[in-house]
C-alpha atoms as a PDB file:
ATOM      1  CA  MET A   1     -13.431  19.332   7.473  1.00  0.00           C
ATOM      2  CA  LEU A   2     -10.500  17.829   8.474  1.00  0.00           C
ATOM      3  CA  VAL A   3      -8.733  15.023   6.885  1.00  0.00           C
ATOM      4  CA  ILE A   4      -7.157  12.002   8.596  1.00  0.00           C
ATOM      5  CA  ALA A   5      -4.691   9.911   7.125  1.00  0.00           C
ATOM      6  CA  LEU A   6      -5.016   6.110   8.848  1.00  0.00           C
ATOM      7  CA  CYS A   7      -2.544   3.461   8.123  1.00  0.00           C
ATOM      8  CA  LYS A   8      -3.934   0.092   6.477  1.00  0.00           C
ATOM      9  CA  GLY A   9      -3.231  -2.965   7.962  1.00  0.00           C
ATOM     10  CA  ARG A  10      -3.467  -4.269  11.958  1.00  0.00           C
ATOM     11  CA  SER A  11      -3.057  -0.361  12.762  1.00  0.00           C
ATOM     12  CA  LEU A  12      -6.193  -0.049  11.681  1.00  0.00           C
ATOM     13  CA  GLU A  13      -8.517  -1.222  14.036  1.00  0.00           C
ATOM     14  CA  PRO A  14      -6.862   0.762  17.219  1.00  0.00           C
ATOM     15  CA  SER A  15      -6.788   3.808  15.630  1.00  0.00           C
ATOM     16  CA  LEU A  16     -10.922   3.524  15.126  1.00  0.00           C
ATOM     17  CA  ALA A  17     -10.995   2.442  18.514  1.00  0.00           C
ATOM     18  CA  THR A  18      -9.125   5.767  19.745  1.00  0.00           C
ATOM     19  CA  LEU A  19     -11.067   8.382  17.042  1.00  0.00           C
ATOM     20  CA  ALA A  20     -14.286   6.413  18.516  1.00  0.00           C
ATOM     21  CA  GLN A  21     -13.387   7.516  21.898  1.00  0.00           C
ATOM     22  CA  ALA A  22     -13.202  10.619  21.123  1.00  0.00           C
ATOM     23  CA  GLY A  23     -15.809  11.111  19.583  1.00  0.00           C
ATOM     24  CA  ILE A  24     -15.281  10.601  16.215  1.00  0.00           C
ATOM     25  CA  ARG A  25     -17.149   7.828  13.893  1.00  0.00           C
ATOM     26  CA  PHE A  26     -17.583   7.317  10.599  1.00  0.00           C
ATOM     27  CA  LYS A  27     -20.961   6.186   8.741  1.00  0.00           C
ATOM     28  CA  GLU A  28     -19.671   3.248   7.036  1.00  0.00           C
ATOM     29  CA  ASP A  29     -17.896  -0.020   8.513  1.00  0.00           C
ATOM     30  CA  VAL A  30     -14.466   1.264   7.737  1.00  0.00           C
ATOM     31  CA  ALA A  31     -12.029  -1.346   8.810  1.00  0.00           C
ATOM     32  CA  ASN A  32     -14.159  -4.057   6.497  1.00  0.00           C
ATOM     33  CA  SER A  33     -15.072  -2.199   3.393  1.00  0.00           C
ATOM     34  CA  ARG A  34     -12.643  -2.002   0.024  1.00  0.00           C
ATOM     35  CA  LYS A  35     -12.920   2.106   0.025  1.00  0.00           C
ATOM     36  CA  LEU A  36     -10.307   4.530   0.660  1.00  0.00           C
ATOM     37  CA  ILE A  37     -12.384   7.233   1.739  1.00  0.00           C
ATOM     38  CA  PHE A  38     -14.740   7.610   4.921  1.00  0.00           C
ATOM     39  CA  ASP A  39     -16.521  10.689   6.094  1.00  0.00           C
ATOM     40  CA  SER A  40     -17.200  10.799   9.805  1.00  0.00           C
ATOM     41  CA  GLU A  41     -20.991  10.544  11.008  1.00  0.00           C
ATOM     42  CA  ASP A  42     -21.162  14.520  12.034  1.00  0.00           C
ATOM     43  CA  GLY A  43     -19.430  15.871   8.466  1.00  0.00           C
ATOM     44  CA  ARG A  44     -16.509  17.160  10.431  1.00  0.00           C
ATOM     45  CA  PHE A  45     -13.767  14.541   9.403  1.00  0.00           C
ATOM     46  CA  ARG A  46     -12.755  12.379   6.405  1.00  0.00           C
ATOM     47  CA  ALA A  47     -10.737   9.506   6.543  1.00  0.00           C
ATOM     48  CA  VAL A  48      -8.335   8.120   4.148  1.00  0.00           C
ATOM     49  CA  LEU A  49      -6.944   4.740   4.126  1.00  0.00           C
ATOM     50  CA  VAL A  50      -3.062   4.326   2.623  1.00  0.00           C
ATOM     51  CA  LYS A  51      -0.311   2.232   3.208  1.00  0.00           C
ATOM     52  CA  PRO A  52       1.396   2.863   6.637  1.00  0.00           C
ATOM     53  CA  ALA A  53       4.547   4.103   4.704  1.00  0.00           C
ATOM     54  CA  ASP A  54       2.855   7.255   3.052  1.00  0.00           C
ATOM     55  CA  VAL A  55       0.983   8.501   6.203  1.00  0.00           C
ATOM     56  CA  PRO A  56       4.055  10.798   6.832  1.00  0.00           C
ATOM     57  CA  THR A  57       3.677  12.150   3.112  1.00  0.00           C
ATOM     58  CA  TYR A  58      -0.040  12.856   2.493  1.00  0.00           C
ATOM     59  CA  VAL A  59       0.388  14.743   5.877  1.00  0.00           C
ATOM     60  CA  GLU A  60       3.309  16.646   5.001  1.00  0.00           C
ATOM     61  CA  TYR A  61       2.049  17.472   1.578  1.00  0.00           C
ATOM     62  CA  GLY A  62      -1.067  18.118   2.875  1.00  0.00           C
ATOM     63  CA  ALA A  63      -3.477  15.794   1.112  1.00  0.00           C
ATOM     64  CA  ALA A  64      -3.987  14.889   4.630  1.00  0.00           C
ATOM     65  CA  ASP A  65      -4.223  17.483   7.967  1.00  0.00           C
ATOM     66  CA  VAL A  66      -3.234  14.784  10.369  1.00  0.00           C
ATOM     67  CA  GLY A  67      -2.412  11.344  10.239  1.00  0.00           C
ATOM     68  CA  ILE A  68      -1.822   8.234  12.624  1.00  0.00           C
ATOM     69  CA  ALA A  69       1.127   6.192  12.263  1.00  0.00           C
ATOM     70  CA  GLY A  70       4.261   4.526  14.079  1.00  0.00           C
ATOM     71  CA  ARG A  71       7.150   6.365  14.852  1.00  0.00           C
ATOM     72  CA  ASP A  72       9.263   3.897  13.121  1.00  0.00           C
ATOM     73  CA  VAL A  73       7.099   5.212   9.920  1.00  0.00           C
ATOM     74  CA  VAL A  74       7.687   9.145  10.530  1.00  0.00           C
ATOM     75  CA  MET A  75      11.547   8.114  11.259  1.00  0.00           C
ATOM     76  CA  GLU A  76      12.357   6.326   8.451  1.00  0.00           C
ATOM     77  CA  SER A  77      10.286   8.738   6.071  1.00  0.00           C
ATOM     78  CA  GLY A  78      12.511  11.872   7.543  1.00  0.00           C
ATOM     79  CA  ALA A  79       9.232  14.221   6.811  1.00  0.00           C
ATOM     80  CA  ASP A  80       8.583  17.549   7.887  1.00  0.00           C
ATOM     81  CA  ILE A  81       5.429  17.155  10.406  1.00  0.00           C
ATOM     82  CA  LEU A  82       4.645  17.532  13.510  1.00  0.00           C
ATOM     83  CA  GLN A  83       4.398  15.265  16.297  1.00  0.00           C
ATOM     84  CA  PRO A  84       2.091  16.327  18.949  1.00  0.00           C
ATOM     85  CA  LEU A  85       0.989  13.213  21.033  1.00  0.00           C
ATOM     86  CA  ASP A  86       2.002  10.039  21.446  1.00  0.00           C
ATOM     87  CA  LEU A  87      -1.162   7.912  21.259  1.00  0.00           C
ATOM     88  CA  ASN A  88       0.155   5.237  23.467  1.00  0.00           C
ATOM     89  CA  PHE A  89      -0.781   1.832  21.250  1.00  0.00           C
ATOM     90  CA  GLY A  90       1.376   0.228  18.709  1.00  0.00           C
ATOM     91  CA  HIS A  91       3.887  -0.559  21.224  1.00  0.00           C
ATOM     92  CA  CYS A  92       7.457  -2.179  20.077  1.00  0.00           C
ATOM     93  CA  LYS A  93      10.988  -1.082  19.277  1.00  0.00           C
ATOM     94  CA  ILE A  94      12.996  -1.024  16.141  1.00  0.00           C
ATOM     95  CA  ALA A  95      16.778  -2.310  16.853  1.00  0.00           C
ATOM     96  CA  VAL A  96      19.589  -4.099  15.834  1.00  0.00           C
ATOM     97  CA  ALA A  97      19.913  -7.826  16.396  1.00  0.00           C
ATOM     98  CA  GLY A  98      22.333 -10.278  15.246  1.00  0.00           C
ATOM     99  CA  PRO A  99      22.883 -13.768  15.565  1.00  0.00           C
ATOM    100  CA  LYS A 100      22.661 -15.187  19.451  1.00  0.00           C
ATOM    101  CA  GLY A 101      26.318 -14.161  21.252  1.00  0.00           C
ATOM    102  CA  ALA A 102      26.927 -11.351  19.274  1.00  0.00           C
ATOM    103  CA  ARG A 103      27.929  -8.382  21.007  1.00  0.00           C
ATOM    104  CA  SER A 104      28.047  -5.326  19.241  1.00  0.00           C
ATOM    105  CA  ILE A 105      26.340  -3.580  16.644  1.00  0.00           C
ATOM    106  CA  ASP A 106      28.998  -4.100  13.709  1.00  0.00           C
ATOM    107  CA  GLY A 107      29.973  -7.645  12.524  1.00  0.00           C
ATOM    108  CA  THR A 108      33.734  -9.391  12.854  1.00  0.00           C
ATOM    109  CA  ASP A 109      34.630 -10.453   9.385  1.00  0.00           C
ATOM    110  CA  HIS A 110      35.511  -7.126   7.616  1.00  0.00           C
ATOM    111  CA  PRO A 111      35.376  -3.410   8.251  1.00  0.00           C
ATOM    112  CA  THR A 112      32.065  -2.547   6.577  1.00  0.00           C
ATOM    113  CA  VAL A 113      29.123  -4.680   8.649  1.00  0.00           C
ATOM    114  CA  ARG A 114      26.509  -5.642   6.236  1.00  0.00           C
ATOM    115  CA  VAL A 115      22.973  -4.502   8.241  1.00  0.00           C
ATOM    116  CA  ALA A 116      19.541  -6.110   6.199  1.00  0.00           C
ATOM    117  CA  THR A 117      16.696  -4.119   7.149  1.00  0.00           C
ATOM    118  CA  LYS A 118      13.634  -2.491   5.350  1.00  0.00           C
ATOM    119  CA  TYR A 119      14.226   0.975   7.098  1.00  0.00           C
ATOM    120  CA  PRO A 120      17.172   2.346   5.255  1.00  0.00           C
ATOM    121  CA  ARG A 121      17.507   5.697   6.435  1.00  0.00           C
ATOM    122  CA  ILE A 122      16.878   4.914  10.192  1.00  0.00           C
ATOM    123  CA  THR A 123      19.770   2.305   9.472  1.00  0.00           C
ATOM    124  CA  LEU A 124      22.190   4.582   8.111  1.00  0.00           C
ATOM    125  CA  ASP A 125      21.786   7.387  10.502  1.00  0.00           C
ATOM    126  CA  TYR A 126      22.307   5.298  13.356  1.00  0.00           C
ATOM    127  CA  TYR A 127      25.629   3.504  11.904  1.00  0.00           C
ATOM    128  CA  ASN A 128      26.519   7.083  11.311  1.00  0.00           C
ATOM    129  CA  ALA A 129      25.833   8.534  14.270  1.00  0.00           C
ATOM    130  CA  HIS A 130      28.375   5.400  16.102  1.00  0.00           C
ATOM    131  CA  GLY A 131      30.905   5.964  13.189  1.00  0.00           C
ATOM    132  CA  ILE A 132      30.894   2.327  12.079  1.00  0.00           C
ATOM    133  CA  PRO A 133      30.848   2.005   7.566  1.00  0.00           C
ATOM    134  CA  VAL A 134      27.731   0.185   6.984  1.00  0.00           C
ATOM    135  CA  GLU A 135      26.259  -1.608   3.491  1.00  0.00           C
ATOM    136  CA  ILE A 136      22.625  -1.206   3.424  1.00  0.00           C
ATOM    137  CA  ILE A 137      21.159  -4.522   2.304  1.00  0.00           C
ATOM    138  CA  PRO A 138      17.174  -3.577   1.344  1.00  0.00           C
ATOM    139  CA  LEU A 139      14.792  -6.146   1.996  1.00  0.00           C
ATOM    140  CA  SER A 140      10.917  -5.995   2.205  1.00  0.00           C
ATOM    141  CA  GLY A 141      10.177  -9.007   4.462  1.00  0.00           C
ATOM    142  CA  SER A 142      11.379 -12.205   6.480  1.00  0.00           C
ATOM    143  CA  ILE A 143      14.733  -9.997   7.491  1.00  0.00           C
ATOM    144  CA  GLU A 144      15.262 -12.442  10.364  1.00  0.00           C
ATOM    145  CA  LEU A 145      16.712 -15.075   7.543  1.00  0.00           C
ATOM    146  CA  ALA A 146      19.768 -12.840   6.088  1.00  0.00           C
ATOM    147  CA  PRO A 147      22.035 -13.199   9.096  1.00  0.00           C
ATOM    148  CA  LEU A 148      21.219 -17.037   8.659  1.00  0.00           C
ATOM    149  CA  MET A 149      22.185 -17.229   5.127  1.00  0.00           C
ATOM    150  CA  GLY A 150      25.015 -15.212   5.285  1.00  0.00           C
ATOM    151  CA  LEU A 151      23.575 -11.834   3.115  1.00  0.00           C
ATOM    152  CA  ALA A 152      24.105  -9.859   6.168  1.00  0.00           C
ATOM    153  CA  ASP A 153      26.030  -9.433   9.484  1.00  0.00           C
ATOM    154  CA  ARG A 154      23.080  -8.020  11.635  1.00  0.00           C
ATOM    155  CA  ILE A 155      19.605  -6.724  11.430  1.00  0.00           C
ATOM    156  CA  VAL A 156      17.171  -3.126  11.951  1.00  0.00           C
ATOM    157  CA  ASP A 157      13.963  -4.635  12.247  1.00  0.00           C
ATOM    158  CA  VAL A 158      10.876  -3.753  14.102  1.00  0.00           C
ATOM    159  CA  VAL A 159      10.384  -6.250  17.359  1.00  0.00           C
ATOM    160  CA  GLU A 160       7.591  -6.906  19.918  1.00  0.00           C
ATOM    161  CA  THR A 161       7.962  -9.916  22.211  1.00  0.00           C
ATOM    162  CA  GLY A 162      11.328 -11.099  20.160  1.00  0.00           C
ATOM    163  CA  ARG A 163      10.274 -14.801  19.831  1.00  0.00           C
ATOM    164  CA  THR A 164      10.351 -14.431  15.815  1.00  0.00           C
ATOM    165  CA  LEU A 165      14.192 -13.603  16.802  1.00  0.00           C
ATOM    166  CA  LYS A 166      14.567 -16.517  19.364  1.00  0.00           C
ATOM    167  CA  GLU A 167      13.158 -18.963  16.514  1.00  0.00           C
ATOM    168  CA  ASN A 168      15.625 -18.237  14.416  1.00  0.00           C
ATOM    169  CA  GLY A 169      18.363 -17.909  16.519  1.00  0.00           C
ATOM    170  CA  LEU A 170      18.738 -13.836  16.656  1.00  0.00           C
ATOM    171  CA  GLU A 171      18.545 -11.531  19.708  1.00  0.00           C
ATOM    172  CA  VAL A 172      18.682  -7.827  20.463  1.00  0.00           C
ATOM    173  CA  VAL A 173      22.173  -6.096  19.987  1.00  0.00           C
ATOM    174  CA  ALA A 174      20.568  -2.480  20.282  1.00  0.00           C
ATOM    175  CA  VAL A 175      17.602  -0.528  20.996  1.00  0.00           C
ATOM    176  CA  ILE A 176      17.362   2.853  18.495  1.00  0.00           C
ATOM    177  CA  ALA A 177      13.952   3.905  19.070  1.00  0.00           C
ATOM    178  CA  GLN A 178      10.973   2.859  21.103  1.00  0.00           C
ATOM    179  CA  ILE A 179       7.766   2.953  18.886  1.00  0.00           C
ATOM    180  CA  SER A 180       4.602   3.623  19.481  1.00  0.00           C
ATOM    181  CA  ALA A 181       1.691   5.152  17.279  1.00  0.00           C
ATOM    182  CA  ARG A 182       2.002   9.039  17.100  1.00  0.00           C
ATOM    183  CA  LEU A 183      -0.431  11.583  15.942  1.00  0.00           C
ATOM    184  CA  LEU A 184       0.998  13.820  12.867  1.00  0.00           C
ATOM    185  CA  VAL A 185      -0.122  17.046  11.810  1.00  0.00           C
ATOM    186  CA  ASN A 186       0.657  19.420   8.587  1.00  0.00           C
ATOM    187  CA  ARG A 187       2.512  22.237   9.559  1.00  0.00           C
ATOM    188  CA  ALA A 188       0.384  24.696   7.308  1.00  0.00           C
ATOM    189  CA  SER A 189      -3.131  22.957   9.135  1.00  0.00           C
ATOM    190  CA  TYR A 190      -1.620  23.997  12.288  1.00  0.00           C
ATOM    191  CA  GLN A 191      -2.155  27.071  11.390  1.00  0.00           C
ATOM    192  CA  THR A 192      -5.058  27.596   8.895  1.00  0.00           C
ATOM    193  CA  LYS A 193      -6.943  24.953  10.914  1.00  0.00           C
ATOM    194  CA  ARG A 194      -5.938  25.308  14.280  1.00  0.00           C
ATOM    195  CA  GLN A 195      -8.895  25.667  16.185  1.00  0.00           C
ATOM    196  CA  ASP A 196     -10.297  21.865  14.352  1.00  0.00           C
ATOM    197  CA  VAL A 197      -6.162  20.327  14.876  1.00  0.00           C
ATOM    198  CA  LEU A 198      -6.181  21.465  18.575  1.00  0.00           C
ATOM    199  CA  GLY A 199      -9.467  20.172  19.109  1.00  0.00           C
ATOM    200  CA  LEU A 200      -8.896  16.983  17.871  1.00  0.00           C
ATOM    201  CA  ALA A 201      -5.622  16.898  19.755  1.00  0.00           C
ATOM    202  CA  HIS A 202      -7.345  17.717  23.014  1.00  0.00           C
ATOM    203  CA  ALA A 203     -10.225  14.621  22.399  1.00  0.00           C
ATOM    204  CA  LEU A 204      -7.097  12.135  21.695  1.00  0.00           C
ATOM    205  CA  GLU A 205      -5.119  13.178  24.651  1.00  0.00           C
ATOM    206  CA  LYS A 206      -8.056  12.669  27.199  1.00  0.00           C
ATOM    207  CA  VAL A 207      -8.222   8.996  25.522  1.00  0.00           C
ATOM    208  CA  VAL A 208      -4.769   8.634  26.085  1.00  0.00           C
ATOM    209  CA  GLN A 209      -4.871  10.418  29.590  1.00  0.00           C
ATOM    210  CA  CYS A 210      -7.789   8.280  30.813  1.00  0.00           C
ATOM    211  CA  GLU A 211      -6.338   4.865  29.627  1.00  0.00           C
ATOM    212  CA  SER A 212      -3.474   5.235  31.161  1.00  0.00           C
ATOM    213  CA  SER A 213      -5.065   5.817  34.657  1.00  0.00           C
ATOM    214  CA  THR A 214      -6.773   2.684  34.429  1.00  0.00           C
END
């Protein structure tokens, strides 16, 4: 049996839909149940529902053989896992944003730029790569508020349409990475359950290819 870690929240339904198209269906209504563990109808798979940020951890430590999560979550976790397949949903980008008219990723009032974000690892890596001193202001929500209140010079956050930024007088300054959902695989499971893992990956790849061609 392959254990699949799935994200709770809005990415759950597209994950389940993709799995269903690959022939993996569950005995119960996963999206509307309070349970956290579900077995597939054929008994070959078990889904566990966890917070998005925890999916890479479950996969890295082998509590789950595979998982489905956004690339941003994987980048932030730093988990040592395989990412063999882009599942082609959940498209967005992780970007640096600042007040309207800002033209650079750094602030102008002091040498160390203050950046509010819920992605401290991604932010630190990005600014270090550009040789810019940075102070991370960790926030868990309403990141757009930070520059408006003088808490930060810039923010790093996931951007979909950019509407929220625009409505708060902010705009994207630089794109750090394009984001989409990925299939994640535990390194040991790839060796010990290779046939099952490759079978799942192949089935999901066919789904992605079919959707891309329509």
